[in-house]
Amino acid sequence: MAGRLGADRPAATETKPAFKTTEFFVFLAGVVAIVITALTVDGDASTGGDPFNAEQALRYITFLAIGYMISRGLAKAGARQRSADDH
């Protein structure tokens, strides 16, 4: 139908690819910060260090990953995507 508004526009999604979003870069920065912290924090209890071991670091990275997946899911949930059959 030539009379429909936007009938000649190409199909597109509202959301950006995941690697172009700010939450992706925040996720990467968070992972790097956790890894650096886990490597540099003194884990020796005899020196009064606060132990932050690999197990805790992996737990926090997992929490970040879950949060990232939820944020991307929410972003995609609001996206409208037209299929090629909707001409």
N, C-alpha and C. Protein backbone atom coordinates (compact mmCIF):
# COMPACT_ATOMS: atom_id res chain seq x y z
N MET A 1 0.83 -1.19 0.00
CA MET A 1 0.00 0.00 0.00
C MET A 1 0.87 1.24 0.00
N ALA A 2 0.70 2.06 -0.99
CA ALA A 2 1.52 3.25 -1.09
C ALA A 2 1.03 4.35 -0.16
N GLY A 3 -0.19 4.28 0.32
CA GLY A 3 -0.74 5.34 1.15
C GLY A 3 -0.38 5.25 2.63
N ARG A 4 0.19 4.12 3.06
CA ARG A 4 0.54 3.98 4.48
C ARG A 4 1.72 4.86 4.83
N LEU A 5 1.69 5.42 6.03
CA LEU A 5 2.83 6.21 6.49
C LEU A 5 4.00 5.30 6.79
N GLY A 6 5.15 5.66 6.32
CA GLY A 6 6.36 4.89 6.61
C GLY A 6 6.47 3.58 5.88
N ALA A 7 5.67 3.35 4.85
CA ALA A 7 5.68 2.09 4.14
C ALA A 7 6.97 1.88 3.36
N ASP A 8 7.64 2.98 3.01
CA ASP A 8 8.87 2.85 2.23
C ASP A 8 10.13 2.86 3.08
N ARG A 9 10.00 2.94 4.39
CA ARG A 9 11.15 2.95 5.29
C ARG A 9 11.67 1.53 5.50
N PRO A 10 12.99 1.37 5.61
CA PRO A 10 13.53 0.03 5.88
C PRO A 10 13.23 -0.40 7.32
N ALA A 11 13.14 -1.69 7.51
CA ALA A 11 12.91 -2.22 8.85
C ALA A 11 14.13 -1.97 9.70
N ALA A 12 13.92 -1.55 10.94
CA ALA A 12 15.03 -1.28 11.85
C ALA A 12 14.60 -1.57 13.28
N THR A 13 15.57 -1.78 14.12
CA THR A 13 15.29 -1.96 15.54
C THR A 13 15.58 -0.67 16.27
N GLU A 14 15.00 -0.50 17.44
CA GLU A 14 15.22 0.71 18.22
C GLU A 14 16.50 0.65 19.04
N THR A 15 16.94 -0.54 19.40
CA THR A 15 18.10 -0.63 20.27
C THR A 15 19.38 -0.80 19.47
N LYS A 16 20.47 -0.36 20.08
CA LYS A 16 21.79 -0.48 19.47
C LYS A 16 22.33 -1.89 19.70
N PRO A 17 23.31 -2.29 18.91
CA PRO A 17 23.99 -3.55 19.22
C PRO A 17 24.63 -3.47 20.61
N ALA A 18 24.75 -4.59 21.28
CA ALA A 18 25.21 -4.62 22.67
C ALA A 18 26.56 -3.96 22.87
N PHE A 19 27.49 -4.11 21.93
CA PHE A 19 28.82 -3.55 22.12
C PHE A 19 28.86 -2.04 21.94
N LYS A 20 27.78 -1.43 21.49
CA LYS A 20 27.72 0.03 21.32
C LYS A 20 27.00 0.74 22.46
N THR A 21 26.66 0.03 23.50
CA THR A 21 25.88 0.63 24.58
C THR A 21 26.77 1.01 25.76
N THR A 22 26.30 1.97 26.52
CA THR A 22 27.06 2.40 27.70
C THR A 22 27.11 1.32 28.76
N GLU A 23 26.03 0.56 28.91
CA GLU A 23 26.06 -0.47 29.96
C GLU A 23 27.10 -1.55 29.67
N PHE A 24 27.42 -1.77 28.39
CA PHE A 24 28.48 -2.72 28.05
C PHE A 24 29.82 -2.22 28.56
N PHE A 25 30.11 -0.94 28.35
CA PHE A 25 31.38 -0.39 28.80
C PHE A 25 31.43 -0.28 30.33
N VAL A 26 30.32 0.00 30.96
CA VAL A 26 30.27 0.01 32.41
C VAL A 26 30.50 -1.40 32.96
N PHE A 27 29.92 -2.40 32.30
CA PHE A 27 30.13 -3.78 32.68
C PHE A 27 31.61 -4.14 32.58
N LEU A 28 32.24 -3.81 31.46
CA LEU A 28 33.66 -4.11 31.29
C LEU A 28 34.52 -3.39 32.33
N ALA A 29 34.22 -2.14 32.59
CA ALA A 29 34.97 -1.38 33.60
C ALA A 29 34.79 -2.01 34.99
N GLY A 30 33.59 -2.47 35.28
CA GLY A 30 33.33 -3.12 36.57
C GLY A 30 34.11 -4.41 36.71
N VAL A 31 34.15 -5.20 35.65
CA VAL A 31 34.90 -6.47 35.68
C VAL A 31 36.38 -6.19 35.88
N VAL A 32 36.92 -5.21 35.16
CA VAL A 32 38.34 -4.86 35.30
C VAL A 32 38.62 -4.38 36.72
N ALA A 33 37.74 -3.56 37.27
CA ALA A 33 37.93 -3.06 38.64
C ALA A 33 37.92 -4.20 39.66
N ILE A 34 37.02 -5.15 39.48
CA ILE A 34 36.95 -6.29 40.40
C ILE A 34 38.21 -7.13 40.30
N VAL A 35 38.68 -7.38 39.08
CA VAL A 35 39.88 -8.19 38.90
C VAL A 35 41.10 -7.49 39.52
N ILE A 36 41.25 -6.21 39.27
CA ILE A 36 42.37 -5.46 39.84
C ILE A 36 42.30 -5.46 41.36
N THR A 37 41.11 -5.26 41.90
CA THR A 37 40.95 -5.27 43.35
C THR A 37 41.30 -6.63 43.93
N ALA A 38 40.84 -7.69 43.28
CA ALA A 38 41.13 -9.04 43.77
C ALA A 38 42.63 -9.33 43.74
N LEU A 39 43.32 -8.79 42.76
CA LEU A 39 44.76 -9.03 42.65
C LEU A 39 45.59 -8.19 43.62
N THR A 40 45.09 -7.01 43.98
CA THR A 40 45.91 -6.11 44.79
C THR A 40 45.57 -6.08 46.27
N VAL A 41 44.38 -6.49 46.65
CA VAL A 41 44.01 -6.44 48.07
C VAL A 41 44.77 -7.51 48.83
N ASP A 42 45.33 -7.10 49.96
CA ASP A 42 46.12 -8.00 50.79
C ASP A 42 45.19 -8.99 51.49
N GLY A 43 45.39 -10.25 51.22
CA GLY A 43 44.54 -11.28 51.81
C GLY A 43 45.14 -11.94 53.03
N ASP A 44 46.26 -11.45 53.51
CA ASP A 44 46.93 -12.05 54.65
C ASP A 44 46.30 -11.53 55.94
N ALA A 45 45.62 -12.40 56.67
CA ALA A 45 44.94 -12.01 57.90
C ALA A 45 45.92 -11.56 58.98
N SER A 46 47.16 -12.06 58.95
CA SER A 46 48.14 -11.69 59.98
C SER A 46 48.58 -10.23 59.84
N THR A 47 48.45 -9.65 58.67
CA THR A 47 48.82 -8.24 58.48
C THR A 47 47.60 -7.32 58.55
N GLY A 48 46.47 -7.88 58.87
CA GLY A 48 45.25 -7.08 58.98
C GLY A 48 44.61 -6.78 57.64
N GLY A 49 45.04 -7.51 56.62
CA GLY A 49 44.48 -7.29 55.28
C GLY A 49 43.05 -7.80 55.18
N ASP A 50 42.32 -7.18 54.29
CA ASP A 50 40.93 -7.58 54.04
C ASP A 50 40.94 -8.58 52.89
N PRO A 51 40.66 -9.85 53.17
CA PRO A 51 40.75 -10.83 52.10
C PRO A 51 39.66 -10.65 51.04
N PHE A 52 40.10 -10.60 49.83
CA PHE A 52 39.18 -10.54 48.68
C PHE A 52 39.75 -11.51 47.66
N ASN A 53 39.28 -12.73 47.73
CA ASN A 53 39.88 -13.79 46.92
C ASN A 53 39.17 -13.98 45.58
N ALA A 54 39.68 -14.94 44.81
CA ALA A 54 39.14 -15.21 43.48
C ALA A 54 37.68 -15.63 43.54
N GLU A 55 37.30 -16.37 44.56
CA GLU A 55 35.90 -16.81 44.67
C GLU A 55 34.96 -15.62 44.80
N GLN A 56 35.34 -14.67 45.64
CA GLN A 56 34.51 -13.47 45.80
C GLN A 56 34.50 -12.64 44.52
N ALA A 57 35.66 -12.54 43.88
CA ALA A 57 35.73 -11.77 42.63
C ALA A 57 34.82 -12.39 41.58
N LEU A 58 34.85 -13.70 41.44
CA LEU A 58 33.97 -14.36 40.47
C LEU A 58 32.50 -14.18 40.82
N ARG A 59 32.19 -14.17 42.09
CA ARG A 59 30.81 -13.95 42.52
C ARG A 59 30.34 -12.56 42.10
N TYR A 60 31.18 -11.54 42.34
CA TYR A 60 30.79 -10.18 41.97
C TYR A 60 30.73 -10.00 40.45
N ILE A 61 31.62 -10.64 39.72
CA ILE A 61 31.56 -10.58 38.27
C ILE A 61 30.28 -11.24 37.77
N THR A 62 29.88 -12.33 38.41
CA THR A 62 28.62 -12.99 38.05
C THR A 62 27.44 -12.07 38.31
N PHE A 63 27.46 -11.37 39.45
CA PHE A 63 26.38 -10.41 39.75
C PHE A 63 26.34 -9.31 38.68
N LEU A 64 27.51 -8.81 38.28
CA LEU A 64 27.55 -7.80 37.22
C LEU A 64 26.99 -8.34 35.91
N ALA A 65 27.35 -9.57 35.58
CA ALA A 65 26.87 -10.18 34.34
C ALA A 65 25.35 -10.34 34.36
N ILE A 66 24.82 -10.75 35.49
CA ILE A 66 23.36 -10.88 35.62
C ILE A 66 22.69 -9.52 35.45
N GLY A 67 23.24 -8.50 36.10
CA GLY A 67 22.70 -7.15 35.96
C GLY A 67 22.76 -6.66 34.53
N TYR A 68 23.87 -6.95 33.85
CA TYR A 68 24.02 -6.55 32.45
C TYR A 68 22.99 -7.24 31.57
N MET A 69 22.80 -8.54 31.79
CA MET A 69 21.82 -9.27 30.97
C MET A 69 20.41 -8.75 31.22
N ILE A 70 20.09 -8.42 32.46
CA ILE A 70 18.77 -7.86 32.76
C ILE A 70 18.60 -6.51 32.08
N SER A 71 19.63 -5.66 32.14
CA SER A 71 19.51 -4.34 31.52
C SER A 71 19.35 -4.46 30.00
N ARG A 72 20.06 -5.38 29.36
CA ARG A 72 19.91 -5.57 27.92
C ARG A 72 18.54 -6.17 27.60
N GLY A 73 18.07 -7.05 28.46
CA GLY A 73 16.75 -7.63 28.24
C GLY A 73 15.66 -6.58 28.33
N LEU A 74 15.78 -5.67 29.30
CA LEU A 74 14.80 -4.59 29.42
C LEU A 74 14.87 -3.65 28.23
N ALA A 75 16.08 -3.40 27.73
CA ALA A 75 16.23 -2.53 26.57
C ALA A 75 15.60 -3.17 25.34
N LYS A 76 15.81 -4.46 25.18
CA LYS A 76 15.25 -5.16 24.02
C LYS A 76 13.75 -5.37 24.16
N ALA A 77 13.24 -5.45 25.37
CA ALA A 77 11.81 -5.69 25.57
C ALA A 77 10.97 -4.54 25.04
N GLY A 78 11.50 -3.34 25.09
CA GLY A 78 10.77 -2.19 24.60
C GLY A 78 10.98 -1.90 23.13
N ALA A 79 11.83 -2.69 22.49
CA ALA A 79 12.15 -2.45 21.08
C ALA A 79 11.07 -3.00 20.18
N ARG A 80 10.74 -2.22 19.17
CA ARG A 80 9.82 -2.69 18.16
C ARG A 80 10.65 -3.16 16.98
N GLN A 81 10.34 -4.32 16.50
CA GLN A 81 11.06 -4.84 15.33
C GLN A 81 10.05 -5.35 14.34
N ARG A 82 10.14 -4.84 13.12
CA ARG A 82 9.23 -5.29 12.07
C ARG A 82 9.90 -6.41 11.31
N SER A 83 9.12 -7.41 10.98
CA SER A 83 9.67 -8.49 10.17
C SER A 83 9.57 -8.11 8.70
N ALA A 84 10.27 -8.87 7.87
CA ALA A 84 10.25 -8.59 6.43
C ALA A 84 8.89 -8.86 5.81
N ASP A 85 8.03 -9.63 6.50
CA ASP A 85 6.71 -9.97 5.97
C ASP A 85 5.68 -8.89 6.20
N ASP A 86 6.02 -7.83 6.95
CA ASP A 86 5.06 -6.79 7.29
C ASP A 86 5.06 -5.66 6.27
N HIS A 87 5.08 -5.94 5.00
CA HIS A 87 5.11 -4.90 3.99
C HIS A 87 3.73 -4.40 3.76
